Amino acid sequence: MTEITESIRTTVEETELPRRLKDRVLDTIEERDDVTETHAEEIALAAESQYLETRVDPLDPVGTVSAQSIGEPGTQMTMNTFHYAGVAEMDVTQGLPRLIELVDARKTPDTPVMNVFLEEEYATERERAHEVVWKIEATKILALGDISTNVADMVVRVDLNEDTLQERWPLVDDTNEIAAEIADTIQDSLGVDVRQNGTAIEFGPNEPSYRDLLQLVEQLRDIVFKGIEDVTRVVIRREEMDDGNEEFVLYTEGSAFKKALNIEGVDASRTTCNNIHEVHKTLGVEAARETIIDETMTTLEEQGLGDVNIRHLMLVSDIMTNDGTIQSIGRHGISGSKDSVLARAAFEVTVNHLLDAAIYGEEDDLDGVIENVIVGKPVKLGTGDVDLRMGSTSSD
């Protein structure tokens, strides 16, 4: 390994590279054998030259280029939904519908999902992993036993299945304890008197009524006894990680990101959610920005369009989140809040924008691409923003 001398460090620090790239150059020099100070200077200057060449030129229309670079491949995307992450039991919206969801900043995706990673023994032992599964997946009372109605006595009876109770509560020896908790939940949720006998639970309407009896049965179907109400199903898979080790990973149908992160055994640093608003609410706007980039890139890659430069997606994500909230790209978001009247009118509801602008006496400075194209003026970008004048020189 090469020793980083003060001279080498000074050479790297004097370049115009950002801090992150300077650290990478120093790490690269240190990892290599027998790098002289001359070599180190050549490496630093080569990295600086490549960095400067890849920077955006002044007056470059980055917004228009990004829009074209994402929009053109977007026309080749399918409208289908595909199996998610190789899990045959689950489907998730992909392709063009998913891309539209993201740029529209929909409050709830059509198919909200979470990828839940686990900690330590929960990730390697199937029994411990299943403990987390039962804490996340919504367990309705219907799934724990059979329901029957006795119209003559006006009674609803729930016969809990002991095998199911032992499977979902492996650490509890006495199933009667669980039955008692279920009985309390029913009583609190329905507001009726409940009688428990072992794993059998009975209850009925406060006043004899066939209609009320049927309503109790319907209400019973919606009671969630354990888990997160919004997560309808969890699929558990054993997968190989980047470090070569195998871990159990949970895939959920439905999402409740904040609640999932608070469950014991869940690795909050790796768990992800495809609902950008839940991520924003739980982890903040920077995490939401990263989620928009990752979800958009993943959607394009699954369609075979992974050659779209990620910087275009980063620009879109920056625009959507730069005020600390998540704005959609549409007339109710970014496009509808532009300063230019003509740019707003060119997007949607043209007449309304022009009428409002006339009523309030708005002016358009014609600074952007869209408004200059509309009025037939050269766009103030690239060579269009440069004025050349011929001057004369006087000689003695």
Protein backbone atom coordinates (compact mmCIF):
# COMPACT_ATOMS: atom_id res chain seq x y z
CA MET A 1 0.00 0.00 0.00
CA THR A 2 1.13 3.53 -0.79
CA GLU A 3 1.63 5.95 2.06
CA ILE A 4 -0.40 9.14 1.62
CA THR A 5 2.20 11.85 2.16
CA GLU A 6 1.43 15.50 2.79
CA SER A 7 2.53 16.33 -0.76
CA ILE A 8 0.12 13.79 -2.30
CA ARG A 9 -2.73 15.00 -0.10
CA THR A 10 -2.03 18.64 -1.07
CA THR A 11 -2.00 17.73 -4.78
CA VAL A 12 -5.41 16.06 -4.52
CA GLU A 13 -6.87 18.83 -2.35
CA GLU A 14 -5.87 21.50 -4.89
CA THR A 15 -8.03 19.95 -7.62
CA GLU A 16 -11.59 21.10 -8.35
CA LEU A 17 -13.02 17.70 -7.46
CA PRO A 18 -15.88 17.53 -4.95
CA ARG A 19 -15.07 16.19 -1.48
CA ARG A 20 -16.46 12.73 -2.19
CA LEU A 21 -14.32 12.30 -5.32
CA LYS A 22 -11.20 13.60 -3.56
CA ASP A 23 -11.64 10.93 -0.88
CA ARG A 24 -12.07 8.25 -3.56
CA VAL A 25 -8.88 9.36 -5.35
CA LEU A 26 -6.92 9.21 -2.08
CA ASP A 27 -8.36 5.75 -1.30
CA THR A 28 -7.44 4.52 -4.80
CA ILE A 29 -3.86 5.80 -4.49
CA GLU A 30 -3.53 4.23 -1.03
CA GLU A 31 -4.77 0.83 -2.24
CA ARG A 32 -2.19 0.63 -5.06
CA ASP A 33 1.44 -0.35 -4.58
CA ASP A 34 4.42 1.90 -5.28
CA VAL A 35 2.58 5.03 -6.46
CA THR A 36 5.04 7.90 -6.61
CA GLU A 37 4.14 11.53 -6.07
CA THR A 38 4.39 12.06 -9.83
CA HIS A 39 1.95 9.21 -10.45
CA ALA A 40 -0.37 10.53 -7.77
CA GLU A 41 -0.42 13.95 -9.44
CA GLU A 42 -1.21 12.34 -12.82
CA ILE A 43 -4.08 10.32 -11.27
CA ALA A 44 -5.52 13.40 -9.56
CA LEU A 45 -5.29 15.55 -12.73
CA ALA A 46 -6.81 12.78 -14.89
CA ALA A 47 -9.74 12.43 -12.47
CA GLU A 48 -10.18 16.22 -12.40
CA SER A 49 -10.11 16.42 -16.21
CA GLN A 50 -12.73 13.69 -16.57
CA TYR A 51 -14.90 15.33 -13.91
CA LEU A 52 -14.76 18.74 -15.59
CA GLU A 53 -15.57 17.24 -18.99
CA THR A 54 -18.69 15.52 -17.65
CA ARG A 55 -20.13 18.61 -16.00
CA VAL A 56 -23.11 20.27 -17.64
CA ASP A 57 -22.15 23.12 -19.93
CA PRO A 58 -23.45 26.61 -19.18
CA LEU A 59 -26.86 27.30 -20.77
CA ASP A 60 -27.43 23.58 -21.38
CA PRO A 61 -31.23 22.83 -21.35
CA VAL A 62 -31.01 20.04 -18.78
CA GLY A 63 -34.76 19.99 -18.10
CA THR A 64 -35.69 19.51 -21.75
CA VAL A 65 -33.00 16.86 -22.25
CA SER A 66 -34.16 14.96 -19.15
CA ALA A 67 -37.80 15.13 -20.25
CA GLN A 68 -36.90 13.72 -23.66
CA SER A 69 -34.54 11.09 -22.21
CA ILE A 70 -37.27 9.72 -19.93
CA GLY A 71 -40.26 10.33 -22.20
CA GLU A 72 -38.91 8.58 -25.29
CA PRO A 73 -38.18 5.23 -23.56
CA GLY A 74 -41.47 5.65 -21.70
CA THR A 75 -43.34 5.21 -24.99
CA GLN A 76 -41.87 1.70 -25.24
CA MET A 77 -43.10 0.55 -21.84
CA THR A 78 -45.89 -1.97 -21.46
CA MET A 79 -49.12 -1.54 -19.51
CA ASN A 80 -48.88 -4.93 -17.81
CA THR A 81 -48.28 -5.90 -14.20
CA PHE A 82 -45.52 -8.42 -13.53
CA HIS A 83 -44.61 -10.84 -10.79
CA TYR A 84 -42.72 -8.93 -8.17
CA ALA A 85 -39.04 -9.56 -7.38
CA GLY A 86 -39.29 -13.18 -8.46
CA VAL A 87 -42.03 -13.93 -5.92
CA ALA A 88 -44.58 -15.87 -7.95
CA GLU A 89 -47.33 -15.43 -5.35
CA MET A 90 -47.33 -11.63 -5.61
CA ASP A 91 -48.12 -9.13 -8.35
CA VAL A 92 -47.21 -5.47 -8.30
CA THR A 93 -47.86 -2.64 -10.74
CA GLN A 94 -44.94 -2.12 -13.10
CA GLY A 95 -44.25 -0.54 -16.45
CA LEU A 96 -45.99 2.64 -17.59
CA PRO A 97 -48.73 2.58 -14.90
CA ARG A 98 -46.07 2.53 -12.17
CA LEU A 99 -44.11 5.36 -13.81
CA ILE A 100 -47.29 7.45 -13.98
CA GLU A 101 -47.95 6.70 -10.28
CA LEU A 102 -44.52 8.03 -9.36
CA VAL A 103 -44.55 11.26 -11.38
CA ASP A 104 -48.14 11.92 -10.29
CA ALA A 105 -47.04 11.43 -6.67
CA ARG A 106 -50.14 9.32 -5.96
CA LYS A 107 -51.05 9.21 -2.26
CA THR A 108 -51.50 5.42 -2.40
CA PRO A 109 -50.00 3.10 -5.06
CA ASP A 110 -52.27 0.54 -6.74
CA THR A 111 -50.20 -2.23 -5.15
CA PRO A 112 -48.40 -0.96 -2.02
CA VAL A 113 -45.63 -3.31 -0.90
CA MET A 114 -42.73 -3.43 1.55
CA ASN A 115 -39.43 -5.34 1.45
CA VAL A 116 -38.76 -6.13 5.09
CA PHE A 117 -35.23 -7.16 6.06
CA LEU A 118 -34.56 -8.74 9.45
CA GLU A 119 -31.89 -8.45 12.15
CA GLU A 120 -29.49 -11.08 13.51
CA GLU A 121 -31.18 -14.37 14.48
CA TYR A 122 -34.51 -13.26 12.97
CA ALA A 123 -32.83 -13.25 9.55
CA THR A 124 -31.27 -16.71 9.86
CA GLU A 125 -33.75 -18.78 11.89
CA ARG A 126 -37.06 -19.60 10.23
CA GLU A 127 -39.00 -19.78 13.52
CA ARG A 128 -37.81 -16.32 14.59
CA ALA A 129 -38.57 -14.95 11.11
CA HIS A 130 -42.12 -16.30 11.38
CA GLU A 131 -42.53 -14.44 14.68
CA VAL A 132 -42.01 -11.20 12.74
CA VAL A 133 -44.37 -12.40 10.00
CA TRP A 134 -47.24 -12.83 12.47
CA LYS A 135 -46.51 -9.40 13.99
CA ILE A 136 -46.77 -7.75 10.56
CA GLU A 137 -49.47 -9.72 8.74
CA ALA A 138 -53.01 -8.75 9.70
CA THR A 139 -54.57 -11.72 11.54
CA LYS A 140 -58.34 -11.54 11.38
CA ILE A 141 -60.44 -13.58 13.77
CA LEU A 142 -61.97 -15.38 10.77
CA ALA A 143 -58.55 -16.90 10.04
CA LEU A 144 -58.30 -18.39 13.54
CA GLY A 145 -61.42 -20.58 13.58
CA ASP A 146 -64.91 -21.35 12.32
CA ILE A 147 -67.94 -19.07 12.76
CA SER A 148 -71.49 -20.37 13.10
CA THR A 149 -74.82 -18.67 13.91
CA ASN A 150 -77.69 -20.04 15.99
CA VAL A 151 -80.79 -18.14 14.91
CA ALA A 152 -83.01 -19.84 17.52
CA ASP A 153 -80.85 -18.65 20.44
CA MET A 154 -79.63 -15.46 18.68
CA VAL A 155 -75.99 -16.48 19.25
CA VAL A 156 -72.82 -16.23 17.15
CA ARG A 157 -70.26 -18.91 17.99
CA VAL A 158 -66.55 -18.82 17.17
CA ASP A 159 -64.69 -22.15 17.49
CA LEU A 160 -60.99 -21.33 17.51
CA ASN A 161 -58.59 -23.82 15.90
CA GLU A 162 -55.97 -24.85 18.46
CA ASP A 163 -53.41 -25.85 15.81
CA THR A 164 -53.68 -22.41 14.20
CA LEU A 165 -53.31 -20.68 17.57
CA GLN A 166 -50.19 -22.71 18.41
CA GLU A 167 -48.70 -21.96 14.97
CA ARG A 168 -49.17 -18.22 15.31
CA TRP A 169 -48.31 -18.00 19.03
CA PRO A 170 -45.56 -20.63 19.42
CA LEU A 171 -44.31 -19.13 22.69
CA VAL A 172 -47.72 -19.36 24.45
CA ASP A 173 -48.43 -22.78 25.97
CA ASP A 174 -52.04 -22.24 27.04
CA THR A 175 -54.32 -21.52 24.06
CA ASN A 176 -57.09 -20.52 26.50
CA GLU A 177 -55.11 -17.35 27.28
CA ILE A 178 -55.16 -16.38 23.61
CA ALA A 179 -58.88 -17.22 23.41
CA ALA A 180 -59.51 -14.91 26.37
CA GLU A 181 -57.67 -12.06 24.62
CA ILE A 182 -59.70 -12.66 21.45
CA ALA A 183 -62.92 -12.61 23.49
CA ASP A 184 -61.91 -9.26 25.04
CA THR A 185 -61.15 -7.86 21.58
CA ILE A 186 -64.57 -8.93 20.28
CA GLN A 187 -66.29 -7.41 23.29
CA ASP A 188 -64.45 -4.09 22.93
CA SER A 189 -64.95 -3.93 19.14
CA LEU A 190 -68.61 -4.94 18.96
CA GLY A 191 -69.88 -3.65 22.32
CA VAL A 192 -71.64 -6.91 23.23
CA ASP A 193 -71.36 -9.38 26.12
CA VAL A 194 -69.05 -12.29 25.26
CA ARG A 195 -68.88 -15.72 26.90
CA GLN A 196 -65.77 -17.84 26.61
CA ASN A 197 -65.48 -21.57 27.27
CA GLY A 198 -62.02 -22.89 26.42
CA THR A 199 -61.44 -22.08 22.75
CA ALA A 200 -65.16 -21.52 22.07
CA ILE A 201 -66.51 -17.96 22.13
CA GLU A 202 -70.20 -17.02 22.04
CA PHE A 203 -71.97 -13.68 21.84
CA GLY A 204 -75.17 -12.17 20.46
CA PRO A 205 -77.01 -8.87 19.98
CA ASN A 206 -78.11 -6.97 23.07
CA GLU A 207 -81.72 -7.15 21.86
CA PRO A 208 -83.08 -10.18 19.95
CA SER A 209 -82.91 -9.18 16.29
CA TYR A 210 -82.10 -11.28 13.25
CA ARG A 211 -80.79 -8.19 11.44
CA ASP A 212 -78.48 -7.28 14.34
CA LEU A 213 -77.25 -10.88 14.45
CA LEU A 214 -76.21 -10.76 10.78
CA GLN A 215 -74.58 -7.34 11.31
CA LEU A 216 -72.46 -8.78 14.15
CA VAL A 217 -71.24 -11.56 11.84
CA GLU A 218 -70.31 -9.00 9.16
CA GLN A 219 -68.53 -6.76 11.66
CA LEU A 220 -66.65 -9.76 13.03
CA ARG A 221 -65.13 -10.36 9.60
CA ASP A 222 -63.32 -7.01 9.72
CA ILE A 223 -61.80 -7.28 13.23
CA VAL A 224 -57.99 -7.52 13.13
CA PHE A 225 -56.74 -9.25 16.26
CA LYS A 226 -53.02 -9.15 15.59
CA GLY A 227 -50.61 -7.57 13.11
CA ILE A 228 -50.92 -4.44 10.97
CA GLU A 229 -54.37 -3.88 9.52
CA ASP A 230 -53.10 -2.52 6.18
CA VAL A 231 -50.83 -5.54 5.50
CA THR A 232 -53.03 -8.30 4.10
CA ARG A 233 -50.34 -10.89 3.38
CA VAL A 234 -46.65 -11.57 3.95
CA VAL A 235 -44.47 -13.86 1.82
CA ILE A 236 -41.22 -15.12 3.36
CA ARG A 237 -38.27 -16.10 1.18
CA ARG A 238 -34.70 -17.19 1.81
CA GLU A 239 -32.35 -15.12 -0.36
CA GLU A 240 -28.62 -14.73 -0.88
CA MET A 241 -27.26 -11.35 0.14
CA ASP A 242 -24.40 -9.38 -1.44
CA ASP A 243 -21.97 -10.71 1.19
CA GLY A 244 -22.74 -14.32 0.20
CA ASN A 245 -24.80 -15.13 3.31
CA GLU A 246 -28.42 -16.24 3.12
CA GLU A 247 -31.19 -14.44 4.98
CA PHE A 248 -34.96 -14.57 5.27
CA VAL A 249 -36.64 -11.57 3.62
CA LEU A 250 -40.32 -10.66 3.95
CA TYR A 251 -42.42 -9.27 1.10
CA THR A 252 -45.74 -7.72 2.08
CA GLU A 253 -48.97 -6.95 0.26
CA GLY A 254 -50.01 -3.62 1.69
CA SER A 255 -47.80 -1.15 3.51
CA ALA A 256 -47.58 0.57 6.88
CA PHE A 257 -43.95 1.67 6.86
CA LYS A 258 -43.75 3.43 10.21
CA LYS A 259 -45.47 0.61 12.11
CA ALA A 260 -43.29 -2.03 10.43
CA LEU A 261 -40.05 -0.26 11.40
CA ASN A 262 -41.10 -0.29 15.07
CA ILE A 263 -41.53 -4.07 15.19
CA GLU A 264 -38.82 -6.01 17.03
CA GLY A 265 -36.55 -7.92 14.65
CA VAL A 266 -37.07 -5.60 11.65
CA ASP A 267 -33.89 -4.02 10.26
CA ALA A 268 -34.96 -0.40 9.80
CA SER A 269 -31.77 0.51 7.91
CA ARG A 270 -32.57 -1.82 4.98
CA THR A 271 -36.35 -2.14 4.93
CA THR A 272 -37.99 -0.34 2.00
CA CYS A 273 -41.48 0.70 0.91
CA ASN A 274 -42.81 1.68 -2.53
CA ASN A 275 -45.17 4.33 -1.12
CA ILE A 276 -43.15 7.55 -1.39
CA HIS A 277 -45.56 9.48 0.88
CA GLU A 278 -45.15 6.95 3.71
CA VAL A 279 -41.37 7.18 3.35
CA HIS A 280 -41.60 10.99 3.41
CA LYS A 281 -43.78 10.96 6.51
CA THR A 282 -41.55 8.46 8.33
CA LEU A 283 -37.99 9.30 7.26
CA GLY A 284 -38.18 12.76 5.71
CA VAL A 285 -37.87 14.38 2.30
CA GLU A 286 -34.32 13.17 1.54
CA ALA A 287 -35.40 9.55 1.96
CA ALA A 288 -38.46 10.23 -0.22
CA ARG A 289 -36.18 11.70 -2.90
CA GLU A 290 -34.00 8.57 -2.87
CA THR A 291 -37.12 6.37 -3.04
CA ILE A 292 -38.40 8.21 -6.13
CA ILE A 293 -35.02 7.73 -7.84
CA ASP A 294 -34.77 4.03 -6.90
CA GLU A 295 -38.38 3.19 -7.77
CA THR A 296 -38.19 4.98 -11.13
CA MET A 297 -34.87 3.36 -12.01
CA THR A 298 -36.12 -0.09 -10.99
CA THR A 299 -39.27 0.38 -13.11
CA LEU A 300 -37.21 1.30 -16.18
CA GLU A 301 -34.70 -1.53 -15.63
CA GLU A 302 -37.44 -4.15 -15.41
CA GLN A 303 -38.64 -2.96 -18.81
CA GLY A 304 -35.15 -3.30 -20.29
CA LEU A 305 -34.64 0.47 -20.29
CA GLY A 306 -31.86 0.63 -17.72
CA ASP A 307 -29.60 2.67 -20.02
CA VAL A 308 -31.49 5.86 -19.06
CA ASN A 309 -28.93 7.95 -17.20
CA ILE A 310 -29.78 8.15 -13.53
CA ARG A 311 -28.99 11.89 -13.50
CA HIS A 312 -32.18 12.57 -15.48
CA LEU A 313 -34.16 10.75 -12.80
CA MET A 314 -32.28 12.63 -10.08
CA LEU A 315 -33.31 15.93 -11.67
CA VAL A 316 -36.97 14.89 -11.74
CA SER A 317 -36.76 13.79 -8.12
CA ASP A 318 -35.04 17.05 -7.11
CA ILE A 319 -37.78 19.12 -8.73
CA MET A 320 -40.51 17.06 -7.05
CA THR A 321 -39.00 17.43 -3.56
CA ASN A 322 -37.03 20.70 -3.55
CA ASP A 323 -39.54 22.58 -1.36
CA GLY A 324 -39.59 19.94 1.38
CA THR A 325 -42.82 18.32 0.20
CA ILE A 326 -43.63 15.92 -2.65
CA GLN A 327 -45.16 17.67 -5.66
CA SER A 328 -46.61 15.89 -8.66
CA ILE A 329 -45.53 16.74 -12.18
CA GLY A 330 -48.87 18.01 -13.44
CA ARG A 331 -51.25 20.95 -13.43
CA HIS A 332 -51.86 20.49 -9.70
CA GLY A 333 -48.12 20.42 -9.01
CA ILE A 334 -44.98 21.63 -10.78
CA SER A 335 -46.40 22.36 -14.26
CA GLY A 336 -49.36 24.26 -12.80
CA SER A 337 -47.20 26.43 -10.55
CA LYS A 338 -44.75 27.76 -13.17
CA ASP A 339 -44.25 31.51 -13.32
CA SER A 340 -44.79 31.60 -17.08
CA VAL A 341 -48.43 31.98 -18.20
CA LEU A 342 -47.75 30.43 -21.62
CA ALA A 343 -45.91 27.46 -20.10
CA ARG A 344 -48.89 26.74 -17.83
CA ALA A 345 -51.33 27.19 -20.72
CA ALA A 346 -49.32 24.84 -22.96
CA PHE A 347 -49.70 21.99 -20.49
CA GLU A 348 -53.43 21.68 -19.71
CA VAL A 349 -56.67 23.76 -19.42
CA THR A 350 -55.26 26.39 -21.81
CA VAL A 351 -58.26 28.73 -21.85
CA ASN A 352 -58.53 28.90 -18.05
CA HIS A 353 -54.88 29.91 -17.66
CA LEU A 354 -55.09 32.60 -20.35
CA LEU A 355 -58.33 34.02 -18.94
CA ASP A 356 -56.97 34.14 -15.39
CA ALA A 357 -53.76 35.80 -16.61
CA ALA A 358 -55.77 38.44 -18.50
CA ILE A 359 -58.02 39.13 -15.50
CA TYR A 360 -55.10 39.58 -13.09
CA GLY A 361 -52.84 41.37 -15.59
CA GLU A 362 -50.01 38.84 -15.46
CA GLU A 363 -46.87 39.29 -17.58
CA ASP A 364 -44.69 36.63 -19.19
CA ASP A 365 -40.95 37.33 -19.37
CA LEU A 366 -40.42 34.62 -22.03
CA ASP A 367 -37.49 33.08 -20.18
CA GLY A 368 -38.19 29.39 -20.78
CA VAL A 369 -38.18 26.99 -23.72
CA ILE A 370 -41.96 26.45 -24.06
CA GLU A 371 -43.04 30.09 -24.14
CA ASN A 372 -40.35 31.06 -26.69
CA VAL A 373 -41.35 28.21 -28.98
CA ILE A 374 -44.98 29.38 -28.78
CA VAL A 375 -44.17 32.96 -29.81
CA GLY A 376 -41.52 31.92 -32.36
CA LYS A 377 -38.52 33.51 -30.66
CA PRO A 378 -35.05 31.96 -30.32
CA VAL A 379 -34.78 30.17 -26.99
CA LYS A 380 -32.44 31.76 -24.46
CA LEU A 381 -30.36 28.63 -24.08
CA GLY A 382 -27.12 27.47 -25.60
CA THR A 383 -26.12 29.63 -28.57
CA GLY A 384 -29.52 31.34 -28.42
CA ASP A 385 -28.44 33.24 -25.32
CA VAL A 386 -25.26 34.63 -26.86
CA ASP A 387 -25.25 37.93 -28.76
CA LEU A 388 -22.41 38.58 -31.21
CA ARG A 389 -21.64 42.10 -32.32
CA MET A 390 -19.04 43.31 -34.78
CA GLY A 391 -17.00 46.21 -33.56
CA SER A 392 -14.50 48.39 -35.37
CA THR A 393 -11.02 49.15 -34.11
CA SER A 394 -9.44 52.53 -34.69
CA SER A 395 -5.81 52.72 -35.79
CA ASP A 396 -3.45 55.63 -35.53
